[in-house]
Amino acid sequence: VATLAAGTAHELGTPLSTIKLLLHEMQQDAENQALKDDLTILSTQVEQCSTILKQLVTKADQQFNGEILAVPVREFCQSIIEQWKLMRPEVTSTLIWNAVDNNVRAIFDPTIKQAILNLLHNAADANPGNVLVGIQWDTQNMRWQIDDDGPGIPQSLQEQLGKAFVTTKGKGLGIGFFLTNATVNRHGGEIKLFSRLPNGTRTELTVPLTGQHND
């Protein structure tokens, strides 16, 4: 995985650098403020892609060498929220923290972060106008509650979600949620989906904290 990550980062490095350079030149030449604002968003997201690639290589190396360290749970969660907001600037969201102990640290497999991001993206896809995210943890588990105001889950699909090729979206194969669910289950966690009234979906994620300790 470390070798693949390093190779991928190297291959994508050149086109990303070219894109960043062209965007910079376009920003300087742009006379329309709306266009400048759009180009700024694009530049921020391209920079985020570069950061993700660097993190991928670093984490792959750490995992290969058995060097993954415990991090503060709040810091881990905050990094996910910040990345999501950069990737989805159109989203209006409210964040609620409800932690028992802000000093708890834990070891997180990199795939957990990606799984949570996928759930946040699903909520944003359903309705970017009003996403409510609640985060809490204790010394045993981390829990996320994500509420959206989308169309909700049809009754006929509620028991099938999480299986491959089942989706509530108009297109796609449902593979994203299937892989997210499999990732969380592999680490001893659980994802539950509920219909909200009068509309929308509530996603509840629970992940056990491994290698946790208090400062």
N, C-alpha and C. Protein backbone atom coordinates (compact mmCIF):
# COMPACT_ATOMS: atom_id res chain seq x y z
N VAL A 1 0.84 -1.20 0.00
CA VAL A 1 0.00 0.00 0.00
C VAL A 1 0.87 1.25 0.00
N ALA A 2 1.95 1.23 0.79
CA ALA A 2 2.84 2.39 0.86
C ALA A 2 3.47 2.67 -0.51
N THR A 3 3.90 1.60 -1.19
CA THR A 3 4.50 1.77 -2.52
C THR A 3 3.49 2.31 -3.51
N LEU A 4 2.25 1.78 -3.47
CA LEU A 4 1.20 2.24 -4.37
C LEU A 4 0.86 3.70 -4.09
N ALA A 5 0.79 4.07 -2.81
CA ALA A 5 0.47 5.45 -2.44
C ALA A 5 1.55 6.40 -2.94
N ALA A 6 2.81 6.03 -2.75
CA ALA A 6 3.91 6.88 -3.19
C ALA A 6 3.90 7.04 -4.71
N GLY A 7 3.65 5.95 -5.42
CA GLY A 7 3.60 6.00 -6.88
C GLY A 7 2.45 6.86 -7.37
N THR A 8 1.29 6.71 -6.74
CA THR A 8 0.12 7.51 -7.12
C THR A 8 0.36 8.99 -6.87
N ALA A 9 0.94 9.32 -5.71
CA ALA A 9 1.23 10.72 -5.39
C ALA A 9 2.20 11.32 -6.41
N HIS A 10 3.19 10.53 -6.81
CA HIS A 10 4.16 11.01 -7.79
C HIS A 10 3.50 11.25 -9.15
N GLU A 11 2.64 10.32 -9.58
CA GLU A 11 1.99 10.44 -10.88
C GLU A 11 1.03 11.63 -10.92
N LEU A 12 0.34 11.89 -9.81
CA LEU A 12 -0.63 12.98 -9.78
C LEU A 12 0.00 14.33 -9.48
N GLY A 13 1.23 14.30 -8.96
CA GLY A 13 1.89 15.55 -8.58
C GLY A 13 2.05 16.52 -9.73
N THR A 14 2.49 16.03 -10.89
CA THR A 14 2.73 16.90 -12.04
C THR A 14 1.45 17.55 -12.57
N PRO A 15 0.39 16.78 -12.83
CA PRO A 15 -0.84 17.44 -13.32
C PRO A 15 -1.44 18.39 -12.29
N LEU A 16 -1.34 18.07 -11.01
CA LEU A 16 -1.88 18.98 -9.99
C LEU A 16 -1.09 20.29 -9.96
N SER A 17 0.23 20.19 -10.13
CA SER A 17 1.05 21.41 -10.18
C SER A 17 0.69 22.27 -11.38
N THR A 18 0.44 21.62 -12.51
CA THR A 18 0.04 22.36 -13.72
C THR A 18 -1.30 23.05 -13.51
N ILE A 19 -2.23 22.34 -12.90
CA ILE A 19 -3.56 22.92 -12.64
C ILE A 19 -3.44 24.13 -11.71
N LYS A 20 -2.63 23.99 -10.65
CA LYS A 20 -2.46 25.09 -9.71
C LYS A 20 -1.86 26.32 -10.42
N LEU A 21 -0.89 26.10 -11.28
CA LEU A 21 -0.25 27.20 -12.01
C LEU A 21 -1.24 27.90 -12.93
N LEU A 22 -2.02 27.12 -13.67
CA LEU A 22 -3.00 27.70 -14.59
C LEU A 22 -4.09 28.45 -13.84
N LEU A 23 -4.53 27.91 -12.71
CA LEU A 23 -5.54 28.59 -11.92
C LEU A 23 -5.03 29.92 -11.39
N HIS A 24 -3.76 29.94 -10.98
CA HIS A 24 -3.16 31.18 -10.49
C HIS A 24 -3.13 32.24 -11.59
N GLU A 25 -2.76 31.82 -12.80
CA GLU A 25 -2.72 32.75 -13.92
C GLU A 25 -4.13 33.24 -14.28
N MET A 26 -5.10 32.35 -14.22
CA MET A 26 -6.48 32.72 -14.53
C MET A 26 -7.04 33.71 -13.50
N GLN A 27 -6.65 33.50 -12.22
CA GLN A 27 -7.08 34.43 -11.18
C GLN A 27 -6.53 35.83 -11.42
N GLN A 28 -5.29 35.92 -11.88
CA GLN A 28 -4.67 37.21 -12.13
C GLN A 28 -5.31 37.92 -13.32
N ASP A 29 -5.74 37.14 -14.32
CA ASP A 29 -6.31 37.72 -15.53
C ASP A 29 -7.81 38.00 -15.41
N ALA A 30 -8.46 37.34 -14.45
CA ALA A 30 -9.92 37.46 -14.34
C ALA A 30 -10.32 38.87 -13.92
N GLU A 31 -11.33 39.41 -14.58
CA GLU A 31 -11.83 40.74 -14.25
C GLU A 31 -13.16 40.67 -13.52
N ASN A 32 -13.86 39.58 -13.70
CA ASN A 32 -15.16 39.39 -13.06
C ASN A 32 -14.95 38.83 -11.65
N GLN A 33 -15.54 39.48 -10.63
CA GLN A 33 -15.34 39.05 -9.25
C GLN A 33 -15.92 37.67 -8.98
N ALA A 34 -17.06 37.37 -9.60
CA ALA A 34 -17.68 36.06 -9.41
C ALA A 34 -16.77 34.96 -9.93
N LEU A 35 -16.13 35.23 -11.08
CA LEU A 35 -15.19 34.26 -11.64
C LEU A 35 -13.98 34.09 -10.73
N LYS A 36 -13.49 35.20 -10.19
CA LYS A 36 -12.36 35.12 -9.26
C LYS A 36 -12.71 34.28 -8.04
N ASP A 37 -13.92 34.45 -7.53
CA ASP A 37 -14.36 33.67 -6.37
C ASP A 37 -14.41 32.18 -6.70
N ASP A 38 -14.91 31.86 -7.89
CA ASP A 38 -14.97 30.45 -8.31
C ASP A 38 -13.57 29.87 -8.46
N LEU A 39 -12.67 30.64 -9.02
CA LEU A 39 -11.29 30.18 -9.20
C LEU A 39 -10.59 29.99 -7.86
N THR A 40 -10.94 30.82 -6.89
CA THR A 40 -10.37 30.67 -5.54
C THR A 40 -10.83 29.35 -4.92
N ILE A 41 -12.09 29.03 -5.11
CA ILE A 41 -12.61 27.75 -4.61
C ILE A 41 -11.89 26.59 -5.27
N LEU A 42 -11.71 26.67 -6.59
CA LEU A 42 -11.01 25.61 -7.31
C LEU A 42 -9.57 25.46 -6.82
N SER A 43 -8.90 26.59 -6.60
CA SER A 43 -7.51 26.55 -6.12
C SER A 43 -7.43 25.90 -4.74
N THR A 44 -8.39 26.23 -3.88
CA THR A 44 -8.42 25.65 -2.54
C THR A 44 -8.62 24.15 -2.60
N GLN A 45 -9.49 23.71 -3.50
CA GLN A 45 -9.76 22.27 -3.58
C GLN A 45 -8.61 21.51 -4.23
N VAL A 46 -7.92 22.12 -5.19
CA VAL A 46 -6.74 21.48 -5.77
C VAL A 46 -5.65 21.35 -4.71
N GLU A 47 -5.49 22.40 -3.90
CA GLU A 47 -4.52 22.34 -2.81
C GLU A 47 -4.87 21.25 -1.82
N GLN A 48 -6.17 21.08 -1.59
CA GLN A 48 -6.63 20.02 -0.69
C GLN A 48 -6.29 18.65 -1.27
N CYS A 49 -6.40 18.49 -2.57
CA CYS A 49 -6.03 17.22 -3.22
C CYS A 49 -4.55 16.92 -2.98
N SER A 50 -3.71 17.95 -3.10
CA SER A 50 -2.28 17.77 -2.87
C SER A 50 -2.01 17.36 -1.43
N THR A 51 -2.73 17.99 -0.51
CA THR A 51 -2.56 17.67 0.92
C THR A 51 -2.98 16.23 1.21
N ILE A 52 -4.09 15.82 0.60
CA ILE A 52 -4.57 14.44 0.81
C ILE A 52 -3.55 13.43 0.31
N LEU A 53 -2.95 13.70 -0.83
CA LEU A 53 -1.94 12.79 -1.37
C LEU A 53 -0.74 12.69 -0.44
N LYS A 54 -0.29 13.84 0.09
CA LYS A 54 0.84 13.83 1.02
C LYS A 54 0.50 13.05 2.28
N GLN A 55 -0.71 13.24 2.78
CA GLN A 55 -1.15 12.51 3.97
C GLN A 55 -1.25 11.02 3.70
N LEU A 56 -1.67 10.67 2.50
CA LEU A 56 -1.79 9.26 2.12
C LEU A 56 -0.44 8.57 2.18
N VAL A 57 0.58 9.23 1.63
CA VAL A 57 1.92 8.66 1.64
C VAL A 57 2.44 8.54 3.07
N THR A 58 2.26 9.58 3.85
CA THR A 58 2.74 9.58 5.24
C THR A 58 2.08 8.48 6.05
N LYS A 59 0.76 8.37 5.93
CA LYS A 59 0.03 7.37 6.72
C LYS A 59 0.35 5.96 6.26
N ALA A 60 0.52 5.78 4.95
CA ALA A 60 0.87 4.46 4.44
C ALA A 60 2.23 4.03 4.97
N ASP A 61 3.18 4.96 4.99
CA ASP A 61 4.51 4.66 5.54
C ASP A 61 4.42 4.33 7.02
N GLN A 62 3.65 5.10 7.76
CA GLN A 62 3.50 4.86 9.19
C GLN A 62 2.86 3.50 9.45
N GLN A 63 1.84 3.18 8.66
CA GLN A 63 1.16 1.90 8.84
C GLN A 63 2.10 0.75 8.50
N PHE A 64 2.88 0.91 7.45
CA PHE A 64 3.83 -0.14 7.04
C PHE A 64 4.87 -0.38 8.12
N ASN A 65 5.31 0.70 8.77
CA ASN A 65 6.35 0.60 9.79
C ASN A 65 5.79 0.44 11.21
N GLY A 66 4.46 0.32 11.31
CA GLY A 66 3.85 0.17 12.63
C GLY A 66 4.00 1.41 13.49
N GLU A 67 3.95 2.60 12.86
CA GLU A 67 4.22 3.84 13.59
C GLU A 67 2.99 4.73 13.74
N ILE A 68 1.78 4.21 13.52
CA ILE A 68 0.59 5.04 13.67
C ILE A 68 0.43 5.39 15.14
N LEU A 69 0.33 6.68 15.42
CA LEU A 69 0.28 7.15 16.80
C LEU A 69 -1.14 7.56 17.17
N ALA A 70 -1.41 7.53 18.47
CA ALA A 70 -2.69 8.01 18.96
C ALA A 70 -2.77 9.53 18.82
N VAL A 71 -3.94 10.02 18.45
CA VAL A 71 -4.15 11.47 18.32
C VAL A 71 -5.38 11.84 19.14
N PRO A 72 -5.49 13.11 19.54
CA PRO A 72 -6.69 13.55 20.26
C PRO A 72 -7.94 13.31 19.41
N VAL A 73 -8.98 12.74 20.00
CA VAL A 73 -10.19 12.44 19.25
C VAL A 73 -10.80 13.72 18.68
N ARG A 74 -10.78 14.79 19.46
CA ARG A 74 -11.35 16.05 18.98
C ARG A 74 -10.58 16.55 17.76
N GLU A 75 -9.25 16.44 17.79
CA GLU A 75 -8.43 16.88 16.66
C GLU A 75 -8.73 16.06 15.41
N PHE A 76 -8.91 14.75 15.59
CA PHE A 76 -9.23 13.86 14.48
C PHE A 76 -10.57 14.26 13.86
N CYS A 77 -11.57 14.48 14.71
CA CYS A 77 -12.90 14.84 14.22
C CYS A 77 -12.89 16.21 13.54
N GLN A 78 -12.17 17.15 14.13
CA GLN A 78 -12.10 18.49 13.56
C GLN A 78 -11.46 18.48 12.17
N SER A 79 -10.45 17.63 11.99
CA SER A 79 -9.80 17.55 10.68
C SER A 79 -10.76 17.03 9.62
N ILE A 80 -11.66 16.14 10.00
CA ILE A 80 -12.66 15.61 9.07
C ILE A 80 -13.63 16.72 8.67
N ILE A 81 -14.12 17.46 9.65
CA ILE A 81 -15.06 18.54 9.37
C ILE A 81 -14.43 19.59 8.47
N GLU A 82 -13.20 19.96 8.77
CA GLU A 82 -12.52 20.99 7.97
C GLU A 82 -12.33 20.53 6.53
N GLN A 83 -11.95 19.26 6.35
CA GLN A 83 -11.76 18.75 4.99
C GLN A 83 -13.07 18.71 4.24
N TRP A 84 -14.13 18.29 4.91
CA TRP A 84 -15.46 18.22 4.29
C TRP A 84 -15.92 19.61 3.84
N LYS A 85 -15.72 20.62 4.70
CA LYS A 85 -16.14 21.97 4.35
C LYS A 85 -15.35 22.52 3.16
N LEU A 86 -14.07 22.17 3.08
CA LEU A 86 -13.29 22.59 1.93
C LEU A 86 -13.77 21.94 0.65
N MET A 87 -14.14 20.68 0.76
CA MET A 87 -14.58 19.94 -0.42
C MET A 87 -16.01 20.29 -0.83
N ARG A 88 -16.81 20.73 0.15
CA ARG A 88 -18.22 21.03 -0.15
C ARG A 88 -18.58 22.44 0.33
N PRO A 89 -18.03 23.45 -0.32
CA PRO A 89 -18.27 24.83 0.12
C PRO A 89 -19.73 25.27 0.01
N GLU A 90 -20.53 24.53 -0.75
CA GLU A 90 -21.93 24.91 -0.92
C GLU A 90 -22.81 24.49 0.26
N VAL A 91 -22.26 23.72 1.17
CA VAL A 91 -23.04 23.15 2.27
C VAL A 91 -23.19 24.14 3.42
N THR A 92 -24.41 24.22 3.95
CA THR A 92 -24.67 24.95 5.19
C THR A 92 -24.83 23.91 6.29
N SER A 93 -24.03 24.01 7.34
CA SER A 93 -24.05 22.97 8.37
C SER A 93 -23.96 23.57 9.77
N THR A 94 -24.42 22.80 10.73
CA THR A 94 -24.31 23.13 12.15
C THR A 94 -23.60 21.99 12.85
N LEU A 95 -22.60 22.33 13.66
CA LEU A 95 -21.80 21.32 14.34
C LEU A 95 -22.01 21.42 15.84
N ILE A 96 -22.30 20.28 16.46
CA ILE A 96 -22.53 20.22 17.91
C ILE A 96 -21.54 19.24 18.52
N TRP A 97 -20.72 19.72 19.45
CA TRP A 97 -19.78 18.86 20.18
C TRP A 97 -20.40 18.46 21.51
N ASN A 98 -20.29 17.20 21.85
CA ASN A 98 -20.82 16.73 23.14
C ASN A 98 -19.89 15.64 23.67
N ALA A 99 -18.66 16.06 23.99
CA ALA A 99 -17.65 15.09 24.43
C ALA A 99 -17.60 15.02 25.95
N VAL A 100 -17.44 13.80 26.45
CA VAL A 100 -17.29 13.60 27.88
C VAL A 100 -15.91 14.05 28.34
N ASP A 101 -14.91 13.77 27.52
CA ASP A 101 -13.53 14.08 27.89
C ASP A 101 -12.76 14.52 26.65
N ASN A 102 -12.38 15.80 26.61
CA ASN A 102 -11.67 16.32 25.44
C ASN A 102 -10.23 15.85 25.36
N ASN A 103 -9.73 15.19 26.39
CA ASN A 103 -8.32 14.78 26.41
C ASN A 103 -8.10 13.34 25.92
N VAL A 104 -9.17 12.65 25.52
CA VAL A 104 -9.04 11.27 25.07
C VAL A 104 -8.29 11.23 23.74
N ARG A 105 -7.31 10.34 23.64
CA ARG A 105 -6.56 10.11 22.41
C ARG A 105 -6.80 8.68 21.96
N ALA A 106 -6.72 8.43 20.66
CA ALA A 106 -6.94 7.08 20.13
C ALA A 106 -6.20 6.92 18.81
N ILE A 107 -6.04 5.68 18.39
CA ILE A 107 -5.42 5.35 17.12
C ILE A 107 -6.53 5.12 16.10
N PHE A 108 -6.47 5.83 14.97
CA PHE A 108 -7.49 5.71 13.94
C PHE A 108 -6.88 5.20 12.64
N ASP A 109 -7.44 4.12 12.13
CA ASP A 109 -7.04 3.66 10.81
C ASP A 109 -7.47 4.71 9.79
N PRO A 110 -6.62 5.00 8.79
CA PRO A 110 -6.96 6.03 7.79
C PRO A 110 -8.30 5.81 7.09
N THR A 111 -8.74 4.56 6.98
CA THR A 111 -9.99 4.30 6.28
C THR A 111 -11.21 4.79 7.07
N ILE A 112 -11.07 4.96 8.38
CA ILE A 112 -12.19 5.48 9.18
C ILE A 112 -12.51 6.92 8.79
N LYS A 113 -11.47 7.70 8.60
CA LYS A 113 -11.69 9.10 8.19
C LYS A 113 -12.42 9.15 6.85
N GLN A 114 -12.01 8.32 5.91
CA GLN A 114 -12.65 8.31 4.60
C GLN A 114 -14.10 7.86 4.71
N ALA A 115 -14.36 6.90 5.58
CA ALA A 115 -15.73 6.41 5.77
C ALA A 115 -16.64 7.51 6.29
N ILE A 116 -16.16 8.29 7.27
CA ILE A 116 -16.97 9.38 7.82
C ILE A 116 -17.19 10.46 6.78
N LEU A 117 -16.16 10.77 6.00
CA LEU A 117 -16.31 11.75 4.93
C LEU A 117 -17.37 11.30 3.93
N ASN A 118 -17.41 10.02 3.62
CA ASN A 118 -18.42 9.51 2.68
C ASN A 118 -19.83 9.74 3.22
N LEU A 119 -20.02 9.53 4.54
CA LEU A 119 -21.33 9.74 5.15
C LEU A 119 -21.72 11.22 5.11
N LEU A 120 -20.74 12.09 5.35
CA LEU A 120 -21.01 13.53 5.28
C LEU A 120 -21.36 13.95 3.85
N HIS A 121 -20.65 13.38 2.88
CA HIS A 121 -20.95 13.68 1.48
C HIS A 121 -22.36 13.20 1.11
N ASN A 122 -22.76 12.06 1.61
CA ASN A 122 -24.11 11.56 1.33
C ASN A 122 -25.16 12.54 1.84
N ALA A 123 -24.94 13.08 3.05
CA ALA A 123 -25.88 14.04 3.61
C ALA A 123 -25.93 15.31 2.76
N ALA A 124 -24.75 15.76 2.32
CA ALA A 124 -24.67 16.96 1.49
C ALA A 124 -25.34 16.73 0.13
N ASP A 125 -25.18 15.53 -0.41
CA ASP A 125 -25.82 15.20 -1.69
C ASP A 125 -27.34 15.22 -1.55
N ALA A 126 -27.83 14.76 -0.39
CA ALA A 126 -29.28 14.70 -0.17
C ALA A 126 -29.88 16.10 -0.11
N ASN A 127 -29.20 17.00 0.61
CA ASN A 127 -29.64 18.39 0.71
C ASN A 127 -28.53 19.21 1.36
N PRO A 128 -27.84 20.05 0.59
CA PRO A 128 -26.73 20.81 1.15
C PRO A 128 -27.16 22.00 2.00
N GLY A 129 -28.48 22.23 2.06
CA GLY A 129 -28.96 23.43 2.73
C GLY A 129 -28.95 23.41 4.24
N ASN A 130 -29.01 22.24 4.85
CA ASN A 130 -29.13 22.20 6.30
C ASN A 130 -28.70 20.84 6.83
N VAL A 131 -27.41 20.71 7.09
CA VAL A 131 -26.87 19.45 7.62
C VAL A 131 -26.47 19.67 9.08
N LEU A 132 -26.99 18.85 9.96
CA LEU A 132 -26.68 18.95 11.39
C LEU A 132 -25.77 17.79 11.77
N VAL A 133 -24.60 18.10 12.32
CA VAL A 133 -23.63 17.08 12.70
C VAL A 133 -23.37 17.14 14.20
N GLY A 134 -23.63 16.04 14.87
CA GLY A 134 -23.37 15.93 16.30
C GLY A 134 -22.24 14.93 16.53
N ILE A 135 -21.25 15.31 17.31
CA ILE A 135 -20.09 14.44 17.57
C ILE A 135 -19.90 14.30 19.07
N GLN A 136 -19.74 13.07 19.53
CA GLN A 136 -19.46 12.83 20.94
C GLN A 136 -18.58 11.60 21.09
N TRP A 137 -17.95 11.49 22.23
CA TRP A 137 -17.14 10.33 22.51
C TRP A 137 -16.93 10.22 24.01
N ASP A 138 -16.55 9.00 24.44
CA ASP A 138 -16.12 8.76 25.81
C ASP A 138 -14.83 7.96 25.71
N THR A 139 -14.48 7.23 26.72
CA THR A 139 -13.23 6.48 26.66
C THR A 139 -13.36 5.18 25.89
N GLN A 140 -14.56 4.85 25.44
CA GLN A 140 -14.78 3.58 24.76
C GLN A 140 -15.15 3.74 23.28
N ASN A 141 -15.98 4.72 22.98
CA ASN A 141 -16.52 4.83 21.63
C ASN A 141 -16.58 6.28 21.15
N MET A 142 -16.53 6.45 19.84
CA MET A 142 -16.79 7.73 19.19
C MET A 142 -18.10 7.60 18.42
N ARG A 143 -18.95 8.63 18.51
CA ARG A 143 -20.25 8.58 17.85
C ARG A 143 -20.49 9.84 17.04
N TRP A 144 -20.99 9.63 15.83
CA TRP A 144 -21.39 10.74 14.96
C TRP A 144 -22.87 10.59 14.64
N GLN A 145 -23.59 11.70 14.69
CA GLN A 145 -24.98 11.74 14.24
C GLN A 145 -25.09 12.81 13.17
N ILE A 146 -25.54 12.41 11.98
CA ILE A 146 -25.61 13.31 10.83
C ILE A 146 -27.05 13.36 10.35
N ASP A 147 -27.67 14.54 10.44
CA ASP A 147 -29.05 14.73 10.00
C ASP A 147 -29.08 15.58 8.74
N ASP A 148 -29.85 15.14 7.75
CA ASP A 148 -30.04 15.95 6.55
C ASP A 148 -31.52 16.15 6.30
N ASP A 149 -31.84 17.12 5.45
CA ASP A 149 -33.23 17.42 5.11
C ASP A 149 -33.55 16.97 3.69
N GLY A 150 -32.95 15.87 3.29
CA GLY A 150 -33.19 15.33 1.96
C GLY A 150 -34.51 14.60 1.86
N PRO A 151 -34.71 13.83 0.80
CA PRO A 151 -35.98 13.14 0.58
C PRO A 151 -36.21 11.96 1.52
N GLY A 152 -35.19 11.54 2.26
CA GLY A 152 -35.35 10.41 3.17
C GLY A 152 -35.14 9.07 2.50
N ILE A 153 -35.40 8.01 3.25
CA ILE A 153 -35.18 6.64 2.77
C ILE A 153 -36.52 5.97 2.50
N PRO A 154 -36.77 5.55 1.27
CA PRO A 154 -38.00 4.80 0.99
C PRO A 154 -38.08 3.55 1.86
N GLN A 155 -39.27 3.27 2.36
CA GLN A 155 -39.46 2.11 3.23
C GLN A 155 -38.97 0.82 2.58
N SER A 156 -39.14 0.72 1.28
CA SER A 156 -38.76 -0.50 0.56
C SER A 156 -37.26 -0.73 0.55
N LEU A 157 -36.46 0.34 0.81
CA LEU A 157 -35.01 0.22 0.73
C LEU A 157 -34.33 0.21 2.10
N GLN A 158 -35.06 0.52 3.16
CA GLN A 158 -34.44 0.70 4.46
C GLN A 158 -33.64 -0.53 4.92
N GLU A 159 -34.19 -1.71 4.69
CA GLU A 159 -33.51 -2.93 5.15
C GLU A 159 -32.43 -3.39 4.19
N GLN A 160 -32.38 -2.81 2.98
CA GLN A 160 -31.41 -3.25 1.98
C GLN A 160 -30.18 -2.36 1.91
N LEU A 161 -30.26 -1.14 2.47
CA LEU A 161 -29.12 -0.24 2.37
C LEU A 161 -27.89 -0.84 3.03
N GLY A 162 -26.76 -0.63 2.38
CA GLY A 162 -25.52 -1.24 2.87
C GLY A 162 -25.13 -2.45 2.04
N LYS A 163 -26.09 -2.95 1.25
CA LYS A 163 -25.78 -4.02 0.33
C LYS A 163 -25.31 -3.41 -0.99
N ALA A 164 -24.46 -4.12 -1.69
CA ALA A 164 -23.91 -3.60 -2.94
C ALA A 164 -25.03 -3.31 -3.94
N PHE A 165 -24.88 -2.20 -4.68
CA PHE A 165 -25.75 -1.82 -5.78
C PHE A 165 -27.13 -1.35 -5.35
N VAL A 166 -27.32 -1.06 -4.04
CA VAL A 166 -28.58 -0.51 -3.57
C VAL A 166 -28.35 0.95 -3.22
N THR A 167 -29.15 1.86 -3.79
CA THR A 167 -28.95 3.29 -3.56
C THR A 167 -30.27 4.01 -3.53
N THR A 168 -30.32 5.13 -2.76
CA THR A 168 -31.51 5.97 -2.75
C THR A 168 -31.34 7.12 -3.72
N LYS A 169 -30.19 7.23 -4.35
CA LYS A 169 -29.94 8.31 -5.29
C LYS A 169 -30.49 7.94 -6.67
N GLY A 170 -30.65 8.97 -7.50
CA GLY A 170 -31.19 8.73 -8.83
C GLY A 170 -30.20 8.02 -9.74
N LYS A 171 -28.92 8.05 -9.39
CA LYS A 171 -27.93 7.38 -10.20
C LYS A 171 -26.88 6.78 -9.28
N GLY A 172 -25.98 6.00 -9.81
CA GLY A 172 -24.97 5.37 -8.97
C GLY A 172 -25.38 3.95 -8.60
N LEU A 173 -24.44 3.21 -8.04
CA LEU A 173 -24.68 1.80 -7.73
C LEU A 173 -24.72 1.51 -6.24
N GLY A 174 -24.58 2.54 -5.40
CA GLY A 174 -24.61 2.30 -3.97
C GLY A 174 -23.33 1.71 -3.43
N ILE A 175 -22.28 1.68 -4.25
CA ILE A 175 -21.03 1.07 -3.82
C ILE A 175 -20.37 1.90 -2.71
N GLY A 176 -20.53 3.23 -2.76
CA GLY A 176 -19.91 4.08 -1.76
C GLY A 176 -20.36 3.75 -0.36
N PHE A 177 -21.68 3.66 -0.16
CA PHE A 177 -22.18 3.32 1.17
C PHE A 177 -21.85 1.89 1.54
N PHE A 178 -21.88 0.99 0.56
CA PHE A 178 -21.53 -0.41 0.82
C PHE A 178 -20.10 -0.51 1.36
N LEU A 179 -19.15 0.19 0.73
CA LEU A 179 -17.76 0.15 1.17
C LEU A 179 -17.58 0.85 2.52
N THR A 180 -18.31 1.96 2.71
CA THR A 180 -18.25 2.67 3.99
C THR A 180 -18.73 1.77 5.12
N ASN A 181 -19.84 1.12 4.91
CA ASN A 181 -20.40 0.22 5.91
C ASN A 181 -19.45 -0.93 6.21
N ALA A 182 -18.86 -1.49 5.15
CA ALA A 182 -17.92 -2.61 5.33
C ALA A 182 -16.68 -2.16 6.11
N THR A 183 -16.20 -0.94 5.83
CA THR A 183 -15.02 -0.41 6.53
C THR A 183 -15.31 -0.27 8.01
N VAL A 184 -16.44 0.34 8.33
CA VAL A 184 -16.80 0.57 9.74
C VAL A 184 -17.01 -0.76 10.46
N ASN A 185 -17.67 -1.70 9.81
CA ASN A 185 -17.89 -3.01 10.42
C ASN A 185 -16.57 -3.74 10.67
N ARG A 186 -15.64 -3.58 9.75
CA ARG A 186 -14.34 -4.24 9.89
C ARG A 186 -13.60 -3.77 11.14
N HIS A 187 -13.86 -2.55 11.55
CA HIS A 187 -13.20 -2.00 12.74
C HIS A 187 -14.10 -2.08 13.98
N GLY A 188 -15.11 -2.92 13.91
CA GLY A 188 -15.96 -3.15 15.07
C GLY A 188 -17.03 -2.10 15.28
N GLY A 189 -17.26 -1.24 14.28
CA GLY A 189 -18.24 -0.18 14.41
C GLY A 189 -19.57 -0.53 13.77
N GLU A 190 -20.46 0.45 13.75
CA GLU A 190 -21.81 0.21 13.24
C GLU A 190 -22.37 1.50 12.66
N ILE A 191 -23.12 1.37 11.57
CA ILE A 191 -23.83 2.50 10.97
C ILE A 191 -25.32 2.17 10.95
N LYS A 192 -26.14 3.13 11.42
CA LYS A 192 -27.58 2.96 11.38
C LYS A 192 -28.20 4.15 10.64
N LEU A 193 -29.22 3.87 9.84
CA LEU A 193 -29.93 4.91 9.11
C LEU A 193 -31.39 4.94 9.54
N PHE A 194 -31.91 6.16 9.75
CA PHE A 194 -33.30 6.33 10.16
C PHE A 194 -33.95 7.42 9.32
N SER A 195 -35.22 7.24 9.02
CA SER A 195 -35.97 8.30 8.36
C SER A 195 -36.37 9.33 9.41
N ARG A 196 -36.26 10.62 9.03
CA ARG A 196 -36.66 11.70 9.91
C ARG A 196 -38.00 12.26 9.46
N LEU A 197 -38.72 12.82 10.40
CA LEU A 197 -40.00 13.44 10.08
C LEU A 197 -39.87 14.96 10.16
N PRO A 198 -40.44 15.70 9.23
CA PRO A 198 -41.28 15.21 8.12
C PRO A 198 -40.48 14.69 6.93
N ASN A 199 -39.17 14.97 6.91
CA ASN A 199 -38.36 14.46 5.79
C ASN A 199 -36.90 14.44 6.22
N GLY A 200 -36.11 13.71 5.45
CA GLY A 200 -34.69 13.65 5.74
C GLY A 200 -34.25 12.30 6.29
N THR A 201 -32.95 12.21 6.52
CA THR A 201 -32.33 10.97 7.01
C THR A 201 -31.41 11.28 8.18
N ARG A 202 -31.42 10.41 9.16
CA ARG A 202 -30.46 10.49 10.26
C ARG A 202 -29.49 9.32 10.13
N THR A 203 -28.21 9.61 10.12
CA THR A 203 -27.17 8.59 10.06
C THR A 203 -26.44 8.58 11.40
N GLU A 204 -26.38 7.42 12.01
CA GLU A 204 -25.68 7.27 13.29
C GLU A 204 -24.50 6.32 13.11
N LEU A 205 -23.34 6.81 13.48
CA LEU A 205 -22.10 6.03 13.36
C LEU A 205 -21.49 5.84 14.74
N THR A 206 -21.13 4.61 15.06
CA THR A 206 -20.42 4.31 16.30
C THR A 206 -19.15 3.55 15.95
N VAL A 207 -18.01 4.02 16.46
CA VAL A 207 -16.72 3.38 16.22
C VAL A 207 -16.00 3.20 17.55
N PRO A 208 -15.58 1.96 17.88
CA PRO A 208 -14.79 1.76 19.11
C PRO A 208 -13.46 2.49 19.02
N LEU A 209 -13.02 3.04 20.13
CA LEU A 209 -11.72 3.71 20.16
C LEU A 209 -10.64 2.69 20.54
N THR A 210 -9.64 2.54 19.69
CA THR A 210 -8.56 1.59 19.95
C THR A 210 -7.31 2.33 20.36
N GLY A 211 -6.55 1.72 21.24
CA GLY A 211 -5.31 2.31 21.72
C GLY A 211 -5.53 3.62 22.41
N GLN A 212 -6.75 3.81 23.01
CA GLN A 212 -7.11 5.10 23.60
C GLN A 212 -6.48 5.25 24.98
N HIS A 213 -6.22 6.51 25.30
CA HIS A 213 -5.77 6.85 26.65
C HIS A 213 -6.05 8.32 26.89
N ASN A 214 -5.95 8.75 28.12
CA ASN A 214 -6.16 10.15 28.47
C ASN A 214 -4.82 10.81 28.73
N ASP A 215 -4.72 12.09 28.33
CA ASP A 215 -3.50 12.84 28.60
C ASP A 215 -3.37 13.07 30.11
